[in-house]
Amino acid sequence: MKKNWLTALICFITAITFFAAGFFTNTLIDALNPKYEILFSQDVSRENIINFNRVKSLLLNSYYEELDENTLLEGAIKGMVEAVGDPYTVYYTPDMMKSFMEQQTGSYVGIGVTVFMDEDGLATVADIFDDSPAKTSGMRNGDKIVMVNGEDVTAITDLNLIVQKIKGKPDTEVAITVYRPEINNYVELSMIRKVINLVYINSKMINENIGYIQLKLFDEDITQDFVSHVNKLISQGAKGLILDLRNNPGGDYSQVVRMADIIVPEGLIVYTQDRNGNRNEEKSGSSEINIPLTVLINEYSASASEILSAAIKEYQKGTLIGKTTFGKGLVQSIIPLEGNAGLKFTTARYFTPSGTSIHGVGVTPDIEIDNDERYRYYSIDEIPEGEDKQLLRAIDEVSRLISERESGR
C-alpha cells in the first residue's frame, strides 16, 4: 500500500514537471515568436468583424493577383483614419513621416506662398511673397492647388503633405495646376524652386502719427520682431497702431501667446480643452500696450491669427475691422508609430477667454467692411494705394481713438 502511494506520488511529480517544462518551453517559443491580434470593443457589431475577416480572406485568396497582407492592413489603417471625417487627422506612412520630419529642419526651398485648407479641403493660396517664383509665374491669391507635377492632390487632406510635394531642391522645376475661381477655370503654372528668405513682418508710418504693422505668419521669431517694429514706429511718432492680420493663416502657438501677452491685460489669453474636459490655459502678465489699436482681419485670417484677434476683442484692447475670420480652432498632435509611421490627429479645441470656440465660426469684426470685388484675389500689397477700403476704415478708426485720447475723453 505504501509502495503504491509512493509510485503515484512520483508519477504525479513527473507529470507536473513535464507540464511545467512544456509550459515554460511554449512560453519561451511564444516570446521569441510573438503573435499579435486585432481587438475590437464590444460595441463593434458581429457583422462588421465577420465582414472584415471575410473581405481580407477573399482578397488574399481569390483576387486575380497575389496581394501583400501588410499592404492591405496599412490600407485599413488609412481608411480608419479617413473615417473620422476630420481633414486635420491623417495617417503618415513611414515615407510620409520621414519627409515630414526632414521638412521641419533646414532652409525653405519652394515657391514663396502661404496656403491654407479651404472648407472644401483644397489647398488654397493665402498670400504670395514678393520676388518669389510663385509671383513670377503669375500665381494669384485664392488659387486652389489641384495638381503638383502631374499628381492630383485634391484627395490629400493634410496640407503639410501637399506643401512637401511643392518643396524640393533649389533650381529644380515644379509644375502646379490651380483652379482659379475668378475665371472659373484651370491654369497650369511652371516655376523654378529657390531658397526663400521669408519676411513675415513689415511696417511703415501712415499720416505721420499712425504705425502700420503687417504680419504674414507667426514664425518662431515673430514676437521679438513685433516688439522691435512697435518700438521703431513709436520712436518715429506713432500714437496709434494698425495691426494687419489679413491673409495670415496662423503659425507658432507659443508665439501668438507671447504676442498676446504684450498686448492684452493680465488674464486668460486662450485655453485648449480635450474630450475629457482637461484644460490647458495660457495667461498674460500685468504689462500691456497702452496705445490706440485697430486690427485688420478677413476670411483668410486663421488659427493663431484668430487667437490673437479674439483676445484683443474680448479685452477691448482694439477694434477689429474687416471680415469674419476663417474659423480654425482645433489642436493637433503628431504621434510616432511602429515602423517609423505616424499619426497626426486632433486632440483638443481652442477657446477664447470668454469660453467661445471659434472652430467653424470664426471671429467677427467690430466693424465689417469688404474691399471691392475686383481686389478679392489680390495680395494685400497689390491693392493700389488709396483703394484698400478696409485699411482706410482702420485709419479713420485709429485716428478717432487718438483724437479721443488726446482730448481726454
Protein backbone atom coordinates (compact mmCIF):
# COMPACT_ATOMS: atom_id res chain seq x y z
CA MET A 1 0.00 0.00 0.00
CA LYS A 2 2.76 2.33 0.95
CA LYS A 3 4.66 1.41 -2.22
CA ASN A 4 1.62 2.15 -4.45
CA TRP A 5 1.20 5.55 -2.75
CA LEU A 6 4.86 6.38 -3.36
CA THR A 7 4.63 5.32 -7.00
CA ALA A 8 1.57 7.51 -7.53
CA LEU A 9 3.34 10.49 -5.95
CA ILE A 10 6.37 10.01 -8.20
CA CYS A 11 4.10 9.81 -11.30
CA PHE A 12 2.26 12.98 -10.22
CA ILE A 13 5.51 14.90 -9.67
CA THR A 14 6.82 13.67 -13.02
CA ALA A 15 3.64 14.82 -14.77
CA ILE A 16 3.84 18.21 -13.13
CA THR A 17 7.49 18.50 -14.12
CA PHE A 18 6.76 17.70 -17.78
CA PHE A 19 3.77 20.07 -17.79
CA ALA A 20 5.85 22.87 -16.32
CA ALA A 21 8.68 22.20 -18.74
CA GLY A 22 6.25 22.21 -21.63
CA PHE A 23 4.57 25.38 -20.36
CA PHE A 24 7.82 27.27 -19.98
CA THR A 25 9.10 25.94 -23.33
CA ASN A 26 5.95 27.13 -25.10
CA THR A 27 6.16 30.46 -23.28
CA LEU A 28 9.74 30.86 -24.46
CA ILE A 29 8.75 29.98 -28.02
CA ASP A 30 5.86 32.48 -27.90
CA ALA A 31 8.22 35.14 -26.58
CA LEU A 32 10.64 34.51 -29.41
CA ASN A 33 7.83 34.29 -31.99
CA PRO A 34 5.10 36.62 -30.67
CA LYS A 35 1.65 36.53 -32.22
CA TYR A 36 -0.43 39.68 -32.50
CA GLU A 37 -4.14 40.11 -32.93
CA ILE A 38 -6.61 42.88 -33.69
CA LEU A 39 -9.02 43.55 -30.84
CA PHE A 40 -12.39 45.28 -31.06
CA SER A 41 -14.63 46.59 -28.31
CA GLN A 42 -17.99 45.01 -27.52
CA ASP A 43 -19.69 47.93 -29.29
CA VAL A 44 -18.46 46.71 -32.69
CA SER A 45 -21.10 44.67 -34.47
CA ARG A 46 -20.60 40.98 -35.15
CA GLU A 47 -21.33 41.61 -38.83
CA ASN A 48 -18.52 44.14 -39.22
CA ILE A 49 -15.95 41.81 -37.66
CA ILE A 50 -17.07 38.90 -39.85
CA ASN A 51 -17.02 41.13 -42.94
CA PHE A 52 -13.56 42.46 -42.12
CA ASN A 53 -12.11 38.96 -41.95
CA ARG A 54 -14.17 37.76 -44.92
CA VAL A 55 -13.02 40.61 -47.19
CA LYS A 56 -9.40 40.10 -46.16
CA SER A 57 -9.66 36.38 -46.89
CA LEU A 58 -11.33 36.91 -50.28
CA LEU A 59 -8.73 39.42 -51.40
CA LEU A 60 -5.77 37.36 -50.23
CA ASN A 61 -7.03 34.09 -51.67
CA SER A 62 -9.23 34.95 -54.67
CA TYR A 63 -8.01 38.27 -56.09
CA TYR A 64 -6.63 37.74 -59.60
CA GLU A 65 -3.15 38.80 -58.48
CA GLU A 66 -1.21 37.97 -55.34
CA LEU A 67 -1.54 40.66 -52.68
CA ASP A 68 0.64 41.71 -49.77
CA GLU A 69 -1.24 41.33 -46.49
CA ASN A 70 0.77 44.16 -44.92
CA THR A 71 -0.29 46.50 -47.74
CA LEU A 72 -3.93 45.61 -47.12
CA LEU A 73 -3.58 46.21 -43.39
CA GLU A 74 -1.92 49.57 -43.91
CA GLY A 75 -4.77 50.49 -46.24
CA ALA A 76 -7.21 49.53 -43.48
CA ILE A 77 -5.38 51.83 -41.07
CA LYS A 78 -5.63 54.71 -43.55
CA GLY A 79 -9.31 54.00 -44.04
CA MET A 80 -9.90 54.01 -40.28
CA VAL A 81 -8.27 57.45 -40.00
CA GLU A 82 -10.17 58.82 -43.00
CA ALA A 83 -13.45 57.56 -41.50
CA VAL A 84 -13.02 60.13 -38.71
CA GLY A 85 -14.02 62.77 -41.27
CA ASP A 86 -11.54 65.32 -39.95
CA PRO A 87 -9.23 66.88 -42.58
CA TYR A 88 -6.64 67.53 -39.86
CA THR A 89 -6.42 63.87 -38.81
CA VAL A 90 -4.03 61.98 -41.10
CA TYR A 91 -2.08 58.71 -41.11
CA TYR A 92 1.55 59.15 -42.19
CA THR A 93 3.20 56.19 -43.89
CA PRO A 94 6.89 55.72 -43.00
CA ASP A 95 7.89 57.61 -46.18
CA MET A 96 5.47 60.45 -45.38
CA MET A 97 6.68 60.65 -41.79
CA LYS A 98 10.31 60.74 -42.90
CA SER A 99 9.58 63.51 -45.40
CA PHE A 100 7.61 65.47 -42.80
CA MET A 101 10.44 65.30 -40.26
CA GLU A 102 13.02 66.32 -42.86
CA GLN A 103 10.94 69.35 -43.82
CA GLN A 104 10.95 70.60 -40.24
CA THR A 105 14.64 71.42 -40.47
CA GLY A 106 16.85 73.30 -42.90
CA SER A 107 16.12 76.21 -45.18
CA TYR A 108 12.87 76.67 -47.02
CA VAL A 109 13.23 75.80 -50.68
CA GLY A 110 9.98 76.33 -52.51
CA ILE A 111 7.86 78.85 -54.38
CA GLY A 112 7.10 81.55 -51.78
CA VAL A 113 3.45 81.27 -50.76
CA THR A 114 1.38 80.74 -47.63
CA VAL A 115 -1.50 78.32 -48.01
CA PHE A 116 -4.47 77.00 -46.03
CA MET A 117 -7.12 74.33 -46.45
CA ASP A 118 -10.46 75.82 -47.51
CA GLU A 119 -13.87 74.50 -46.48
CA ASP A 120 -13.81 72.06 -49.41
CA GLY A 121 -10.47 70.58 -48.37
CA LEU A 122 -8.46 72.22 -51.15
CA ALA A 123 -5.03 73.78 -50.62
CA THR A 124 -5.66 77.48 -51.22
CA VAL A 125 -3.12 80.25 -51.68
CA ALA A 126 -3.50 82.84 -48.90
CA ASP A 127 -0.62 85.13 -49.79
CA ILE A 128 2.27 85.38 -52.24
CA PHE A 129 5.64 86.83 -51.33
CA ASP A 130 7.41 89.44 -53.40
CA ASP A 131 10.27 88.32 -55.61
CA SER A 132 9.17 84.70 -55.37
CA PRO A 133 8.78 82.00 -58.06
CA ALA A 134 5.04 82.00 -57.38
CA LYS A 135 4.79 85.74 -58.00
CA THR A 136 6.86 85.50 -61.19
CA SER A 137 4.75 82.62 -62.54
CA GLY A 138 1.51 84.57 -62.14
CA MET A 139 0.02 82.63 -59.22
CA ARG A 140 -2.82 84.55 -57.52
CA ASN A 141 -4.38 84.69 -54.08
CA GLY A 142 -7.31 82.31 -53.89
CA ASP A 143 -5.81 79.84 -56.39
CA LYS A 144 -6.73 76.24 -55.48
CA ILE A 145 -3.79 73.84 -55.93
CA VAL A 146 -5.13 70.71 -57.64
CA MET A 147 -2.05 69.10 -59.22
CA VAL A 148 1.68 69.06 -58.40
CA ASN A 149 3.99 67.61 -61.04
CA GLY A 150 1.08 65.80 -62.64
CA GLU A 151 -0.19 64.27 -59.38
CA ASP A 152 -3.75 65.00 -58.30
CA VAL A 153 -3.55 66.35 -54.74
CA THR A 154 -7.23 67.15 -54.22
CA ALA A 155 -7.75 63.93 -52.25
CA ILE A 156 -4.89 64.73 -49.83
CA THR A 157 -6.42 66.19 -46.69
CA ASP A 158 -3.18 67.11 -44.95
CA LEU A 159 -1.77 70.47 -46.00
CA ASN A 160 1.75 69.57 -44.90
CA LEU A 161 1.88 66.68 -47.33
CA ILE A 162 0.89 68.91 -50.26
CA VAL A 163 3.45 71.53 -49.26
CA GLN A 164 6.13 68.84 -49.12
CA LYS A 165 5.37 67.91 -52.72
CA ILE A 166 5.79 71.55 -53.76
CA LYS A 167 9.09 71.96 -51.93
CA GLY A 168 12.28 70.45 -53.32
CA LYS A 169 15.88 71.10 -54.23
CA PRO A 170 16.97 74.58 -55.37
CA ASP A 171 16.86 75.32 -59.11
CA THR A 172 14.52 72.41 -59.86
CA GLU A 173 11.25 72.85 -61.71
CA VAL A 174 7.82 72.22 -60.25
CA ALA A 175 4.63 72.20 -62.31
CA ILE A 176 1.48 73.25 -60.49
CA THR A 177 -2.07 73.26 -61.81
CA VAL A 178 -4.51 75.52 -59.98
CA TYR A 179 -8.21 76.15 -60.18
CA ARG A 180 -8.71 79.92 -60.35
CA PRO A 181 -12.16 80.95 -59.08
CA GLU A 182 -12.01 84.45 -60.56
CA ILE A 183 -12.01 82.97 -64.09
CA ASN A 184 -13.74 79.67 -63.23
CA ASN A 185 -11.02 77.70 -65.00
CA TYR A 186 -7.78 75.81 -64.53
CA VAL A 187 -4.36 77.38 -65.01
CA GLU A 188 -1.09 75.49 -65.48
CA LEU A 189 1.96 77.13 -63.93
CA SER A 190 5.63 76.23 -64.05
CA MET A 191 8.25 77.67 -61.73
CA ILE A 192 11.80 77.08 -60.53
CA ARG A 193 12.21 76.44 -56.81
CA LYS A 194 14.62 78.64 -54.94
CA VAL A 195 15.72 79.35 -51.39
CA ILE A 196 13.11 81.71 -49.98
CA ASN A 197 14.23 84.28 -47.44
CA LEU A 198 10.81 84.94 -46.00
CA VAL A 199 10.00 88.21 -44.29
CA TYR A 200 6.86 87.68 -42.26
CA ILE A 201 6.59 91.20 -40.84
CA ASN A 202 6.86 94.69 -42.26
CA SER A 203 5.87 98.12 -41.01
CA LYS A 204 5.58 101.76 -42.04
CA MET A 205 4.26 105.10 -40.87
CA ILE A 206 0.89 106.41 -42.11
CA ASN A 207 -0.23 110.04 -41.81
CA GLU A 208 2.66 110.97 -39.51
CA ASN A 209 1.10 109.57 -36.32
CA ILE A 210 -0.14 106.07 -37.21
CA GLY A 211 2.07 103.00 -37.26
CA TYR A 212 1.14 100.12 -39.57
CA ILE A 213 2.37 96.55 -38.99
CA GLN A 214 1.59 93.64 -41.30
CA LEU A 215 2.05 90.07 -40.01
CA LYS A 216 2.00 87.41 -42.72
CA LEU A 217 2.69 84.40 -40.48
CA PHE A 218 3.54 83.64 -36.86
CA ASP A 219 7.03 82.18 -37.18
CA GLU A 220 9.37 81.33 -34.30
CA ASP A 221 10.83 84.86 -34.06
CA ILE A 222 7.74 86.97 -34.74
CA THR A 223 7.16 88.34 -31.23
CA GLN A 224 10.68 89.69 -30.92
CA ASP A 225 10.34 91.25 -34.38
CA PHE A 226 6.95 92.68 -33.44
CA VAL A 227 8.36 94.44 -30.38
CA SER A 228 11.20 95.90 -32.46
CA HIS A 229 8.79 97.24 -35.08
CA VAL A 230 6.45 98.72 -32.45
CA ASN A 231 9.31 100.50 -30.70
CA LYS A 232 10.62 101.83 -34.01
CA LEU A 233 7.21 103.19 -35.01
CA ILE A 234 6.68 104.87 -31.64
CA SER A 235 10.11 106.47 -31.91
CA GLN A 236 9.01 107.83 -35.29
CA GLY A 237 5.96 109.47 -33.75
CA ALA A 238 3.26 106.79 -33.88
CA LYS A 239 0.43 107.49 -31.45
CA GLY A 240 -1.74 104.63 -32.65
CA LEU A 241 -1.24 101.26 -34.37
CA ILE A 242 -2.87 99.26 -37.15
CA LEU A 243 -2.13 95.53 -36.94
CA ASP A 244 -2.85 93.81 -40.27
CA LEU A 245 -3.62 90.07 -39.89
CA ARG A 246 -5.40 89.69 -43.23
CA ASN A 247 -4.39 86.55 -45.17
CA ASN A 248 -2.40 85.32 -42.15
CA PRO A 249 -3.02 81.54 -41.89
CA GLY A 250 -1.55 81.18 -38.38
CA GLY A 251 1.69 79.58 -37.26
CA ASP A 252 3.51 79.09 -33.97
CA TYR A 253 1.13 78.75 -30.99
CA SER A 254 3.70 79.80 -28.40
CA GLN A 255 4.50 82.94 -30.37
CA VAL A 256 0.91 84.13 -30.61
CA VAL A 257 0.57 83.60 -26.86
CA ARG A 258 3.70 85.70 -26.25
CA MET A 259 2.40 88.43 -28.54
CA ALA A 260 -1.00 88.50 -26.86
CA ASP A 261 0.78 88.75 -23.50
CA ILE A 262 2.34 92.01 -24.71
CA ILE A 263 -0.96 93.46 -25.93
CA VAL A 264 -3.76 92.41 -23.55
CA PRO A 265 -4.04 92.98 -19.77
CA GLU A 266 -3.44 90.35 -17.11
CA GLY A 267 -5.74 87.37 -17.51
CA LEU A 268 -6.59 84.38 -19.65
CA ILE A 269 -5.43 84.56 -23.28
CA VAL A 270 -6.62 81.22 -24.62
CA TYR A 271 -7.17 77.69 -23.44
CA THR A 272 -7.41 74.26 -25.02
CA GLN A 273 -9.78 71.54 -23.88
CA ASP A 274 -9.84 67.85 -24.75
CA ARG A 275 -12.74 65.39 -24.85
CA ASN A 276 -12.42 64.71 -21.13
CA GLY A 277 -12.65 68.36 -20.19
CA ASN A 278 -8.97 68.75 -19.35
CA ARG A 279 -7.92 72.38 -19.81
CA ASN A 280 -4.55 73.87 -20.63
CA GLU A 281 -4.59 77.62 -20.04
CA GLU A 282 -2.30 80.36 -21.32
CA LYS A 283 -2.30 83.59 -19.33
CA SER A 284 -0.85 87.07 -19.72
CA GLY A 285 1.03 89.17 -17.19
CA SER A 286 0.20 92.62 -15.91
CA SER A 287 2.07 94.59 -18.61
CA GLU A 288 0.15 95.65 -21.73
CA ILE A 289 0.41 98.01 -24.68
CA ASN A 290 -1.18 101.34 -23.88
CA ILE A 291 -1.82 102.76 -27.33
CA PRO A 292 -4.92 103.01 -29.60
CA LEU A 293 -5.11 99.88 -31.75
CA THR A 294 -7.09 98.59 -34.72
CA VAL A 295 -6.77 95.08 -36.15
CA LEU A 296 -7.48 94.13 -39.76
CA ILE A 297 -8.88 90.63 -40.35
CA ASN A 298 -10.51 88.76 -43.23
CA GLU A 299 -11.76 85.31 -44.25
CA TYR A 300 -8.14 84.13 -44.75
CA SER A 301 -7.09 85.00 -41.18
CA ALA A 302 -6.90 81.66 -39.39
CA SER A 303 -5.72 79.74 -36.31
CA ALA A 304 -3.10 81.83 -34.45
CA SER A 305 -4.46 85.00 -36.09
CA GLU A 306 -7.86 84.19 -34.65
CA ILE A 307 -6.46 83.53 -31.17
CA LEU A 308 -4.85 86.98 -31.11
CA SER A 309 -7.86 88.73 -32.66
CA ALA A 310 -10.29 87.13 -30.21
CA ALA A 311 -8.18 88.06 -27.18
CA ILE A 312 -7.84 91.68 -28.33
CA LYS A 313 -11.57 91.90 -28.98
CA GLU A 314 -12.70 90.34 -25.72
CA TYR A 315 -10.38 92.51 -23.63
CA GLN A 316 -11.47 95.55 -25.69
CA LYS A 317 -7.85 96.40 -26.43
CA GLY A 318 -8.55 97.25 -30.05
CA THR A 319 -11.16 97.49 -32.78
CA LEU A 320 -11.43 94.61 -35.26
CA ILE A 321 -12.12 95.71 -38.83
CA GLY A 322 -12.77 93.68 -41.98
CA LYS A 323 -14.48 90.30 -42.47
CA THR A 324 -15.19 87.29 -40.24
CA THR A 325 -12.12 85.06 -39.92
CA PHE A 326 -11.72 81.52 -41.27
CA GLY A 327 -12.71 79.56 -38.15
CA LYS A 328 -9.91 77.07 -37.48
CA GLY A 329 -9.84 76.30 -33.77
CA LEU A 330 -8.54 72.75 -33.42
CA VAL A 331 -5.31 71.43 -31.87
CA GLN A 332 -3.32 68.62 -33.49
CA SER A 333 -0.65 66.28 -32.13
CA ILE A 334 1.76 64.08 -34.09
CA ILE A 335 2.49 60.68 -32.54
CA PRO A 336 5.24 58.33 -33.87
CA LEU A 337 4.02 54.79 -34.59
CA GLU A 338 5.75 51.46 -35.05
CA GLY A 339 7.83 51.05 -38.19
CA ASN A 340 8.52 54.82 -38.41
CA ALA A 341 4.92 55.63 -39.36
CA GLY A 342 2.97 58.38 -37.62
CA LEU A 343 -0.46 59.75 -36.80
CA LYS A 344 -1.46 63.40 -36.80
CA PHE A 345 -4.80 63.79 -35.11
CA THR A 346 -6.97 66.40 -33.46
CA THR A 347 -6.74 66.26 -29.67
CA ALA A 348 -8.45 69.42 -28.44
CA ARG A 349 -10.17 72.70 -29.30
CA TYR A 350 -9.11 76.29 -28.75
CA PHE A 351 -11.36 78.53 -26.65
CA THR A 352 -11.28 82.32 -26.31
CA PRO A 353 -11.02 83.95 -22.84
CA SER A 354 -14.84 84.04 -22.63
CA GLY A 355 -15.05 80.30 -23.38
CA THR A 356 -16.12 80.58 -27.02
CA SER A 357 -14.98 78.00 -29.56
CA ILE A 358 -14.09 79.69 -32.84
CA HIS A 359 -13.95 76.50 -34.89
CA GLY A 360 -16.30 76.65 -37.85
CA VAL A 361 -17.48 80.09 -36.70
CA GLY A 362 -14.51 82.45 -36.76
CA VAL A 363 -14.05 85.81 -35.09
CA THR A 364 -16.43 88.56 -36.17
CA PRO A 365 -15.13 92.11 -36.68
CA ASP A 366 -16.42 95.08 -34.71
CA ILE A 367 -16.67 96.98 -37.98
CA GLU A 368 -17.50 94.84 -41.02
CA ILE A 369 -16.27 96.12 -44.36
CA ASP A 370 -15.09 94.45 -47.55
CA ASN A 371 -12.83 95.59 -50.35
CA ASP A 372 -14.05 95.90 -53.92
CA GLU A 373 -14.69 92.56 -55.58
CA ARG A 374 -12.01 93.20 -58.21
CA TYR A 375 -9.37 93.01 -55.46
CA ARG A 376 -10.68 89.79 -53.92
CA TYR A 377 -7.81 87.69 -55.24
CA TYR A 378 -5.08 90.31 -54.82
CA SER A 379 -2.34 90.13 -52.23
CA ILE A 380 -2.69 92.92 -49.67
CA ASP A 381 0.41 94.59 -51.09
CA GLU A 382 -1.06 94.55 -54.61
CA ILE A 383 -4.11 96.69 -53.81
CA PRO A 384 -3.45 100.20 -55.18
CA GLU A 385 -2.80 102.89 -52.59
CA GLY A 386 -5.99 104.64 -51.56
CA GLU A 387 -8.26 101.81 -52.74
CA ASP A 388 -7.93 99.45 -49.76
CA LYS A 389 -11.26 100.21 -48.09
CA GLN A 390 -10.51 98.09 -45.06
CA LEU A 391 -7.22 99.89 -44.41
CA LEU A 392 -8.82 103.29 -44.97
CA ARG A 393 -11.53 102.43 -42.42
CA ALA A 394 -8.85 101.33 -39.95
CA ILE A 395 -7.02 104.63 -40.43
CA ASP A 396 -10.21 106.55 -39.69
CA GLU A 397 -10.90 104.47 -36.59
CA VAL A 398 -7.44 104.71 -35.07
CA SER A 399 -7.36 108.45 -35.85
CA ARG A 400 -10.61 108.81 -33.91
CA LEU A 401 -9.17 106.85 -30.98
CA ILE A 402 -6.04 109.01 -30.96
CA SER A 403 -8.16 112.16 -31.01
CA GLU A 404 -10.30 110.94 -28.11
CA ARG A 405 -7.22 110.12 -26.05
CA GLU A 406 -5.63 113.49 -26.69
CA SER A 407 -8.81 115.32 -25.82
CA GLY A 408 -9.07 113.38 -22.55
CA ARG A 409 -12.32 111.60 -23.35
